[in-house]
Amino acid sequence: MDQHNAMSQDKDIRRANLDAANSKAEPGTPVNLLEIGPVLVLEKNYTELEVVDALYAMQEKKVIELLDGNRMRVL
Protein backbone atom coordinates (compact mmCIF):
# COMPACT_ATOMS: atom_id res chain seq x y z
CA MET A 1 0.00 0.00 0.00
CA ASP A 2 1.43 3.41 -0.91
CA GLN A 3 1.68 6.27 1.58
CA HIS A 4 -1.32 8.18 0.14
CA ASN A 5 -3.63 5.15 0.43
CA ALA A 6 -2.40 4.44 3.96
CA MET A 7 -3.10 8.04 5.02
CA SER A 8 -6.54 7.90 3.43
CA GLN A 9 -7.33 4.63 5.21
CA ASP A 10 -6.16 6.15 8.53
CA LYS A 11 -8.60 9.04 8.06
CA ASP A 12 -11.37 6.60 7.16
CA ILE A 13 -10.95 4.50 10.31
CA ARG A 14 -10.72 7.62 12.47
CA ARG A 15 -13.91 8.99 10.92
CA ALA A 16 -15.61 5.60 11.38
CA ASN A 17 -14.60 5.60 15.08
CA LEU A 18 -16.02 9.09 15.58
CA ASP A 19 -19.21 8.32 13.67
CA ALA A 20 -19.78 5.15 15.68
CA ALA A 21 -19.18 6.96 18.99
CA ASN A 22 -21.39 9.90 18.03
CA SER A 23 -24.18 7.54 17.02
CA LYS A 24 -24.24 6.20 20.60
CA ALA A 25 -23.92 9.47 22.57
CA GLU A 26 -23.50 13.22 22.25
CA PRO A 27 -19.89 14.45 21.93
CA GLY A 28 -18.40 14.79 25.41
CA THR A 29 -20.44 11.88 26.80
CA PRO A 30 -18.43 8.71 27.54
CA VAL A 31 -19.13 5.77 25.21
CA ASN A 32 -18.34 2.14 25.97
CA LEU A 33 -15.86 0.85 23.38
CA LEU A 34 -17.65 -2.50 23.44
CA GLU A 35 -20.65 -0.72 21.88
CA ILE A 36 -18.71 0.63 18.91
CA GLY A 37 -16.07 -2.07 18.41
CA PRO A 38 -18.39 -4.66 16.85
CA VAL A 39 -19.75 -2.07 14.42
CA LEU A 40 -16.24 -1.25 13.23
CA VAL A 41 -14.96 -4.82 13.09
CA LEU A 42 -18.01 -6.78 11.95
CA GLU A 43 -19.89 -4.23 9.86
CA LYS A 44 -17.11 -1.93 8.57
CA ASN A 45 -14.52 -4.73 8.24
CA TYR A 46 -11.68 -3.03 10.11
CA THR A 47 -9.33 -5.20 12.12
CA GLU A 48 -9.15 -4.83 15.90
CA LEU A 49 -5.56 -3.59 15.51
CA GLU A 50 -6.67 -0.87 13.06
CA VAL A 51 -9.36 0.27 15.49
CA VAL A 52 -6.97 0.36 18.46
CA ASP A 53 -4.25 2.16 16.48
CA ALA A 54 -6.78 4.77 15.36
CA LEU A 55 -8.00 5.28 18.94
CA TYR A 56 -4.47 5.89 20.22
CA ALA A 57 -3.70 8.25 17.32
CA MET A 58 -6.88 10.24 17.98
CA GLN A 59 -6.09 10.44 21.69
CA GLU A 60 -2.61 11.73 20.89
CA LYS A 61 -4.16 14.46 18.70
CA LYS A 62 -6.66 15.34 21.46
CA VAL A 63 -9.67 14.33 19.35
CA ILE A 64 -10.82 11.78 21.92
CA GLU A 65 -10.00 10.85 25.49
CA LEU A 66 -9.63 7.20 26.45
CA LEU A 67 -11.18 6.56 29.86
CA ASP A 68 -11.13 3.85 32.49
CA GLY A 69 -13.68 1.09 32.10
CA ASN A 70 -13.08 0.57 28.37
CA ARG A 71 -14.68 3.88 27.45
CA MET A 72 -13.87 6.91 25.31
CA ARG A 73 -15.11 10.48 25.06
CA VAL A 74 -15.13 12.61 21.90
CA LEU A 75 -13.63 16.00 22.79
PDB file of N, CA and C in Angstrom:
ATOM      1  N   MET A   1       0.852  -1.169   0.000  1.00  0.00           N
ATOM      2  CA  MET A   1       0.000   0.000   0.000  1.00  0.00           C
ATOM      3  C   MET A   1       0.899   1.233   0.000  1.00  0.00           C
ATOM      4  N   ASP A   2       0.601   2.215  -0.882  1.00  0.00           N
ATOM      5  CA  ASP A   2       1.434   3.406  -0.908  1.00  0.00           C
ATOM      6  C   ASP A   2       1.044   4.357   0.221  1.00  0.00           C
ATOM      7  N   GLN A   3       1.871   5.381   0.435  1.00  0.00           N
ATOM      8  CA  GLN A   3       1.677   6.273   1.578  1.00  0.00           C
ATOM      9  C   GLN A   3       0.346   7.025   1.491  1.00  0.00           C
ATOM     10  N   HIS A   4      -0.055   7.445   0.286  1.00  0.00           N
ATOM     11  CA  HIS A   4      -1.321   8.177   0.137  1.00  0.00           C
ATOM     12  C   HIS A   4      -2.505   7.299   0.532  1.00  0.00           C
ATOM     13  N   ASN A   5      -2.525   6.059   0.076  1.00  0.00           N
ATOM     14  CA  ASN A   5      -3.626   5.149   0.431  1.00  0.00           C
ATOM     15  C   ASN A   5      -3.641   4.850   1.919  1.00  0.00           C
ATOM     16  N   ALA A   6      -2.468   4.703   2.528  1.00  0.00           N
ATOM     17  CA  ALA A   6      -2.395   4.440   3.964  1.00  0.00           C
ATOM     18  C   ALA A   6      -2.940   5.620   4.751  1.00  0.00           C
ATOM     19  N   MET A   7      -2.601   6.844   4.330  1.00  0.00           N
ATOM     20  CA  MET A   7      -3.100   8.036   5.017  1.00  0.00           C
ATOM     21  C   MET A   7      -4.613   8.156   4.857  1.00  0.00           C
ATOM     22  N   SER A   8      -5.104   7.842   3.680  1.00  0.00           N
ATOM     23  CA  SER A   8      -6.544   7.898   3.433  1.00  0.00           C
ATOM     24  C   SER A   8      -7.278   6.871   4.292  1.00  0.00           C
ATOM     25  N   GLN A   9      -6.720   5.676   4.397  1.00  0.00           N
ATOM     26  CA  GLN A   9      -7.329   4.631   5.210  1.00  0.00           C
ATOM     27  C   GLN A   9      -7.310   5.022   6.693  1.00  0.00           C
ATOM     28  N   ASP A  10      -6.218   5.675   7.148  1.00  0.00           N
ATOM     29  CA  ASP A  10      -6.157   6.152   8.531  1.00  0.00           C
ATOM     30  C   ASP A  10      -7.277   7.141   8.810  1.00  0.00           C
ATOM     31  N   LYS A  11      -7.513   8.065   7.885  1.00  0.00           N
ATOM     32  CA  LYS A  11      -8.596   9.038   8.063  1.00  0.00           C
ATOM     33  C   LYS A  11      -9.943   8.346   8.071  1.00  0.00           C
ATOM     34  N   ASP A  12     -10.104   7.332   7.218  1.00  0.00           N
ATOM     35  CA  ASP A  12     -11.372   6.598   7.156  1.00  0.00           C
ATOM     36  C   ASP A  12     -11.679   5.894   8.474  1.00  0.00           C
ATOM     37  N   ILE A  13     -10.706   5.224   9.062  1.00  0.00           N
ATOM     38  CA  ILE A  13     -10.948   4.502  10.313  1.00  0.00           C
ATOM     39  C   ILE A  13     -11.178   5.487  11.458  1.00  0.00           C
ATOM     40  N   ARG A  14     -10.484   6.617  11.435  1.00  0.00           N
ATOM     41  CA  ARG A  14     -10.717   7.619  12.474  1.00  0.00           C
ATOM     42  C   ARG A  14     -12.127   8.188  12.354  1.00  0.00           C
ATOM     43  N   ARG A  15     -12.555   8.476  11.143  1.00  0.00           N
ATOM     44  CA  ARG A  15     -13.912   8.995  10.919  1.00  0.00           C
ATOM     45  C   ARG A  15     -14.936   7.942  11.328  1.00  0.00           C
ATOM     46  N   ALA A  16     -14.684   6.676  11.008  1.00  0.00           N
ATOM     47  CA  ALA A  16     -15.610   5.602  11.384  1.00  0.00           C
ATOM     48  C   ALA A  16     -15.714   5.483  12.900  1.00  0.00           C
ATOM     49  N   ASN A  17     -14.589   5.625  13.615  1.00  0.00           N
ATOM     50  CA  ASN A  17     -14.600   5.603  15.077  1.00  0.00           C
ATOM     51  C   ASN A  17     -15.460   6.736  15.622  1.00  0.00           C
ATOM     52  N   LEU A  18     -15.258   7.939  15.104  1.00  0.00           N
ATOM     53  CA  LEU A  18     -16.021   9.093  15.576  1.00  0.00           C
ATOM     54  C   LEU A  18     -17.505   8.947  15.260  1.00  0.00           C
ATOM     55  N   ASP A  19     -17.804   8.503  14.047  1.00  0.00           N
ATOM     56  CA  ASP A  19     -19.208   8.321  13.665  1.00  0.00           C
ATOM     57  C   ASP A  19     -19.897   7.295  14.557  1.00  0.00           C
ATOM     58  N   ALA A  20     -19.202   6.196  14.827  1.00  0.00           N
ATOM     59  CA  ALA A  20     -19.784   5.151  15.678  1.00  0.00           C
ATOM     60  C   ALA A  20     -20.010   5.676  17.098  1.00  0.00           C
ATOM     61  N   ALA A  21     -19.038   6.407  17.632  1.00  0.00           N
ATOM     62  CA  ALA A  21     -19.180   6.955  18.986  1.00  0.00           C
ATOM     63  C   ALA A  21     -20.309   7.978  19.036  1.00  0.00           C
ATOM     64  N   ASN A  22     -20.363   8.857  18.046  1.00  0.00           N
ATOM     65  CA  ASN A  22     -21.388   9.904  18.032  1.00  0.00           C
ATOM     66  C   ASN A  22     -22.782   9.340  17.787  1.00  0.00           C
ATOM     67  N   SER A  23     -22.867   8.148  17.211  1.00  0.00           N
ATOM     68  CA  SER A  23     -24.182   7.537  17.017  1.00  0.00           C
ATOM     69  C   SER A  23     -24.726   6.963  18.326  1.00  0.00           C
ATOM     70  N   LYS A  24     -23.843   6.769  19.308  1.00  0.00           N
ATOM     71  CA  LYS A  24     -24.245   6.203  20.601  1.00  0.00           C
ATOM     72  C   LYS A  24     -24.478   7.271  21.663  1.00  0.00           C
ATOM     73  N   ALA A  25     -23.806   8.424  21.540  1.00  0.00           N
ATOM     74  CA  ALA A  25     -23.919   9.470  22.565  1.00  0.00           C
ATOM     75  C   ALA A  25     -23.484  10.810  21.985  1.00  0.00           C
ATOM     76  N   GLU A  26     -23.915  11.872  22.640  1.00  0.00           N
ATOM     77  CA  GLU A  26     -23.500  13.220  22.255  1.00  0.00           C
ATOM     78  C   GLU A  26     -21.994  13.369  22.491  1.00  0.00           C
ATOM     79  N   PRO A  27     -21.306  14.190  21.669  1.00  0.00           N
ATOM     80  CA  PRO A  27     -19.888  14.453  21.932  1.00  0.00           C
ATOM     81  C   PRO A  27     -19.706  14.938  23.372  1.00  0.00           C
ATOM     82  N   GLY A  28     -18.670  14.440  24.021  1.00  0.00           N
ATOM     83  CA  GLY A  28     -18.404  14.787  25.408  1.00  0.00           C
ATOM     84  C   GLY A  28     -18.951  13.780  26.403  1.00  0.00           C
ATOM     85  N   THR A  29     -19.863  12.915  25.947  1.00  0.00           N
ATOM     86  CA  THR A  29     -20.437  11.884  26.802  1.00  0.00           C
ATOM     87  C   THR A  29     -19.644  10.594  26.613  1.00  0.00           C
ATOM     88  N   PRO A  30     -19.182   9.957  27.690  1.00  0.00           N
ATOM     89  CA  PRO A  30     -18.428   8.707  27.541  1.00  0.00           C
ATOM     90  C   PRO A  30     -19.235   7.618  26.825  1.00  0.00           C
ATOM     91  N   VAL A  31     -18.535   6.870  25.972  1.00  0.00           N
ATOM     92  CA  VAL A  31     -19.129   5.772  25.207  1.00  0.00           C
ATOM     93  C   VAL A  31     -18.322   4.518  25.502  1.00  0.00           C
ATOM     94  N   ASN A  32     -19.003   3.418  25.748  1.00  0.00           N
ATOM     95  CA  ASN A  32     -18.342   2.138  25.973  1.00  0.00           C
ATOM     96  C   ASN A  32     -17.785   1.641  24.638  1.00  0.00           C
ATOM     97  N   LEU A  33     -16.490   1.328  24.615  1.00  0.00           N
ATOM     98  CA  LEU A  33     -15.860   0.848  23.380  1.00  0.00           C
ATOM     99  C   LEU A  33     -16.453  -0.472  22.910  1.00  0.00           C
ATOM    100  N   LEU A  34     -17.031  -1.239  23.831  1.00  0.00           N
ATOM    101  CA  LEU A  34     -17.654  -2.500  23.436  1.00  0.00           C
ATOM    102  C   LEU A  34     -18.937  -2.267  22.638  1.00  0.00           C
ATOM    103  N   GLU A  35     -19.481  -1.055  22.688  1.00  0.00           N
ATOM    104  CA  GLU A  35     -20.655  -0.725  21.883  1.00  0.00           C
ATOM    105  C   GLU A  35     -20.288  -0.351  20.451  1.00  0.00           C
ATOM    106  N   ILE A  36     -19.087   0.197  20.269  1.00  0.00           N
ATOM    107  CA  ILE A  36     -18.714   0.628  18.913  1.00  0.00           C
ATOM    108  C   ILE A  36     -17.760  -0.337  18.223  1.00  0.00           C
ATOM    109  N   GLY A  37     -17.031  -1.130  18.996  1.00  0.00           N
ATOM    110  CA  GLY A  37     -16.074  -2.073  18.406  1.00  0.00           C
ATOM    111  C   GLY A  37     -16.697  -3.045  17.417  1.00  0.00           C
ATOM    112  N   PRO A  38     -17.781  -3.708  17.792  1.00  0.00           N
ATOM    113  CA  PRO A  38     -18.392  -4.656  16.855  1.00  0.00           C
ATOM    114  C   PRO A  38     -18.867  -4.008  15.551  1.00  0.00           C
ATOM    115  N   VAL A  39     -19.333  -2.781  15.637  1.00  0.00           N
ATOM    116  CA  VAL A  39     -19.751  -2.068  14.423  1.00  0.00           C
ATOM    117  C   VAL A  39     -18.563  -1.908  13.479  1.00  0.00           C
ATOM    118  N   LEU A  40     -17.425  -1.497  14.046  1.00  0.00           N
ATOM    119  CA  LEU A  40     -16.242  -1.246  13.227  1.00  0.00           C
ATOM    120  C   LEU A  40     -15.626  -2.528  12.683  1.00  0.00           C
ATOM    121  N   VAL A  41     -15.604  -3.572  13.500  1.00  0.00           N
ATOM    122  CA  VAL A  41     -14.956  -4.822  13.087  1.00  0.00           C
ATOM    123  C   VAL A  41     -15.885  -5.678  12.224  1.00  0.00           C
ATOM    124  N   LEU A  42     -17.107  -5.872  12.664  1.00  0.00           N
ATOM    125  CA  LEU A  42     -18.008  -6.781  11.954  1.00  0.00           C
ATOM    126  C   LEU A  42     -18.725  -6.135  10.777  1.00  0.00           C
ATOM    127  N   GLU A  43     -19.127  -4.874  10.930  1.00  0.00           N
ATOM    128  CA  GLU A  43     -19.887  -4.231   9.862  1.00  0.00           C
ATOM    129  C   GLU A  43     -19.014  -3.435   8.896  1.00  0.00           C
ATOM    130  N   LYS A  44     -17.979  -2.773   9.423  1.00  0.00           N
ATOM    131  CA  LYS A  44     -17.113  -1.931   8.574  1.00  0.00           C
ATOM    132  C   LYS A  44     -15.859  -2.658   8.118  1.00  0.00           C
ATOM    133  N   ASN A  45     -15.639  -3.870   8.649  1.00  0.00           N
ATOM    134  CA  ASN A  45     -14.521  -4.733   8.240  1.00  0.00           C
ATOM    135  C   ASN A  45     -13.131  -4.190   8.544  1.00  0.00           C
ATOM    136  N   TYR A  46     -13.009  -3.416   9.636  1.00  0.00           N
ATOM    137  CA  TYR A  46     -11.684  -3.026  10.108  1.00  0.00           C
ATOM    138  C   TYR A  46     -11.189  -4.107  11.047  1.00  0.00           C
ATOM    139  N   THR A  47      -9.878  -4.246  11.157  1.00  0.00           N
ATOM    140  CA  THR A  47      -9.331  -5.196  12.124  1.00  0.00           C
ATOM    141  C   THR A  47      -9.308  -4.541  13.505  1.00  0.00           C
ATOM    142  N   GLU A  48      -9.242  -5.366  14.540  1.00  0.00           N
ATOM    143  CA  GLU A  48      -9.146  -4.829  15.898  1.00  0.00           C
ATOM    144  C   GLU A  48      -7.903  -3.960  16.042  1.00  0.00           C
ATOM    145  N   LEU A  49      -6.799  -4.367  15.432  1.00  0.00           N
ATOM    146  CA  LEU A  49      -5.561  -3.590  15.508  1.00  0.00           C
ATOM    147  C   LEU A  49      -5.743  -2.219  14.853  1.00  0.00           C
ATOM    148  N   GLU A  50      -6.413  -2.158  13.714  1.00  0.00           N
ATOM    149  CA  GLU A  50      -6.666  -0.868  13.058  1.00  0.00           C
ATOM    150  C   GLU A  50      -7.498   0.048  13.950  1.00  0.00           C
ATOM    151  N   VAL A  51      -8.499  -0.518  14.603  1.00  0.00           N
ATOM    152  CA  VAL A  51      -9.358   0.270  15.488  1.00  0.00           C
ATOM    153  C   VAL A  51      -8.549   0.801  16.668  1.00  0.00           C
ATOM    154  N   VAL A  52      -7.772  -0.051  17.305  1.00  0.00           N
ATOM    155  CA  VAL A  52      -6.971   0.362  18.463  1.00  0.00           C
ATOM    156  C   VAL A  52      -5.932   1.400  18.055  1.00  0.00           C
ATOM    157  N   ASP A  53      -5.241   1.185  16.947  1.00  0.00           N
ATOM    158  CA  ASP A  53      -4.246   2.156  16.476  1.00  0.00           C
ATOM    159  C   ASP A  53      -4.894   3.516  16.231  1.00  0.00           C
ATOM    160  N   ALA A  54      -6.074   3.510  15.629  1.00  0.00           N
ATOM    161  CA  ALA A  54      -6.775   4.766  15.360  1.00  0.00           C
ATOM    162  C   ALA A  54      -7.172   5.459  16.661  1.00  0.00           C
ATOM    163  N   LEU A  55      -7.627   4.690  17.649  1.00  0.00           N
ATOM    164  CA  LEU A  55      -8.001   5.282  18.937  1.00  0.00           C
ATOM    165  C   LEU A  55      -6.803   5.964  19.594  1.00  0.00           C
ATOM    166  N   TYR A  56      -5.655   5.288  19.610  1.00  0.00           N
ATOM    167  CA  TYR A  56      -4.467   5.890  20.218  1.00  0.00           C
ATOM    168  C   TYR A  56      -4.010   7.122  19.449  1.00  0.00           C
ATOM    169  N   ALA A  57      -4.084   7.083  18.132  1.00  0.00           N
ATOM    170  CA  ALA A  57      -3.700   8.246  17.316  1.00  0.00           C
ATOM    171  C   ALA A  57      -4.627   9.423  17.587  1.00  0.00           C
ATOM    172  N   MET A  58      -5.927   9.157  17.712  1.00  0.00           N
ATOM    173  CA  MET A  58      -6.880  10.236  17.979  1.00  0.00           C
ATOM    174  C   MET A  58      -6.699  10.797  19.388  1.00  0.00           C
ATOM    175  N   GLN A  59      -6.346   9.948  20.342  1.00  0.00           N
ATOM    176  CA  GLN A  59      -6.091  10.441  21.693  1.00  0.00           C
ATOM    177  C   GLN A  59      -4.862  11.343  21.692  1.00  0.00           C
ATOM    178  N   GLU A  60      -3.834  10.940  20.962  1.00  0.00           N
ATOM    179  CA  GLU A  60      -2.609  11.732  20.888  1.00  0.00           C
ATOM    180  C   GLU A  60      -2.877  13.112  20.296  1.00  0.00           C
ATOM    181  N   LYS A  61      -3.812  13.184  19.346  1.00  0.00           N
ATOM    182  CA  LYS A  61      -4.156  14.464  18.696  1.00  0.00           C
ATOM    183  C   LYS A  61      -5.255  15.217  19.439  1.00  0.00           C
ATOM    184  N   LYS A  62      -5.647  14.704  20.612  1.00  0.00           N
ATOM    185  CA  LYS A  62      -6.660  15.338  21.464  1.00  0.00           C
ATOM    186  C   LYS A  62      -8.034  15.430  20.785  1.00  0.00           C
ATOM    187  N   VAL A  63      -8.353  14.422  19.964  1.00  0.00           N
ATOM    188  CA  VAL A  63      -9.671  14.326  19.346  1.00  0.00           C
ATOM    189  C   VAL A  63     -10.614  13.569  20.270  1.00  0.00           C
ATOM    190  N   ILE A  64     -10.058  12.573  20.948  1.00  0.00           N
ATOM    191  CA  ILE A  64     -10.819  11.780  21.917  1.00  0.00           C
ATOM    192  C   ILE A  64      -9.999  11.657  23.195  1.00  0.00           C
ATOM    193  N   GLU A  65     -10.658  11.196  24.234  1.00  0.00           N
ATOM    194  CA  GLU A  65      -9.996  10.853  25.489  1.00  0.00           C
ATOM    195  C   GLU A  65     -10.371   9.420  25.813  1.00  0.00           C
ATOM    196  N   LEU A  66      -9.373   8.571  26.019  1.00  0.00           N
ATOM    197  CA  LEU A  66      -9.629   7.198  26.448  1.00  0.00           C
ATOM    198  C   LEU A  66      -9.783   7.196  27.961  1.00  0.00           C
ATOM    199  N   LEU A  67     -10.822   6.547  28.439  1.00  0.00           N
ATOM    200  CA  LEU A  67     -11.180   6.561  29.857  1.00  0.00           C
ATOM    201  C   LEU A  67     -11.102   5.167  30.461  1.00  0.00           C
ATOM    202  N   ASP A  68     -11.059   5.129  31.785  1.00  0.00           N
ATOM    203  CA  ASP A  68     -11.134   3.850  32.494  1.00  0.00           C
ATOM    204  C   ASP A  68     -12.442   3.147  32.127  1.00  0.00           C
ATOM    205  N   GLY A  69     -12.470   1.853  32.338  1.00  0.00           N
ATOM    206  CA  GLY A  69     -13.683   1.093  32.102  1.00  0.00           C
ATOM    207  C   GLY A  69     -13.972   0.845  30.636  1.00  0.00           C
ATOM    208  N   ASN A  70     -12.920   0.871  29.799  1.00  0.00           N
ATOM    209  CA  ASN A  70     -13.077   0.566  28.371  1.00  0.00           C
ATOM    210  C   ASN A  70     -14.021   1.546  27.696  1.00  0.00           C
ATOM    211  N   ARG A  71     -13.825   2.838  28.007  1.00  0.00           N
ATOM    212  CA  ARG A  71     -14.682   3.882  27.447  1.00  0.00           C
ATOM    213  C   ARG A  71     -13.846   4.960  26.777  1.00  0.00           C
ATOM    214  N   MET A  72     -14.508   5.768  25.942  1.00  0.00           N
ATOM    215  CA  MET A  72     -13.874   6.911  25.315  1.00  0.00           C
ATOM    216  C   MET A  72     -14.849   8.080  25.315  1.00  0.00           C
ATOM    217  N   ARG A  73     -14.281   9.275  25.158  1.00  0.00           N
ATOM    218  CA  ARG A  73     -15.106  10.485  25.060  1.00  0.00           C
ATOM    219  C   ARG A  73     -14.589  11.300  23.883  1.00  0.00           C
ATOM    220  N   VAL A  74     -15.486  11.722  23.006  1.00  0.00           N
ATOM    221  CA  VAL A  74     -15.128  12.613  21.899  1.00  0.00           C
ATOM    222  C   VAL A  74     -15.013  14.010  22.476  1.00  0.00           C
ATOM    223  N   LEU A  75     -13.873  14.657  22.239  1.00  0.00           N
ATOM    224  CA  LEU A  75     -13.632  16.005  22.791  1.00  0.00           C
ATOM    225  C   LEU A  75     -14.122  17.086  21.849  1.00  0.00           C
TER     226      LEU A  75
END
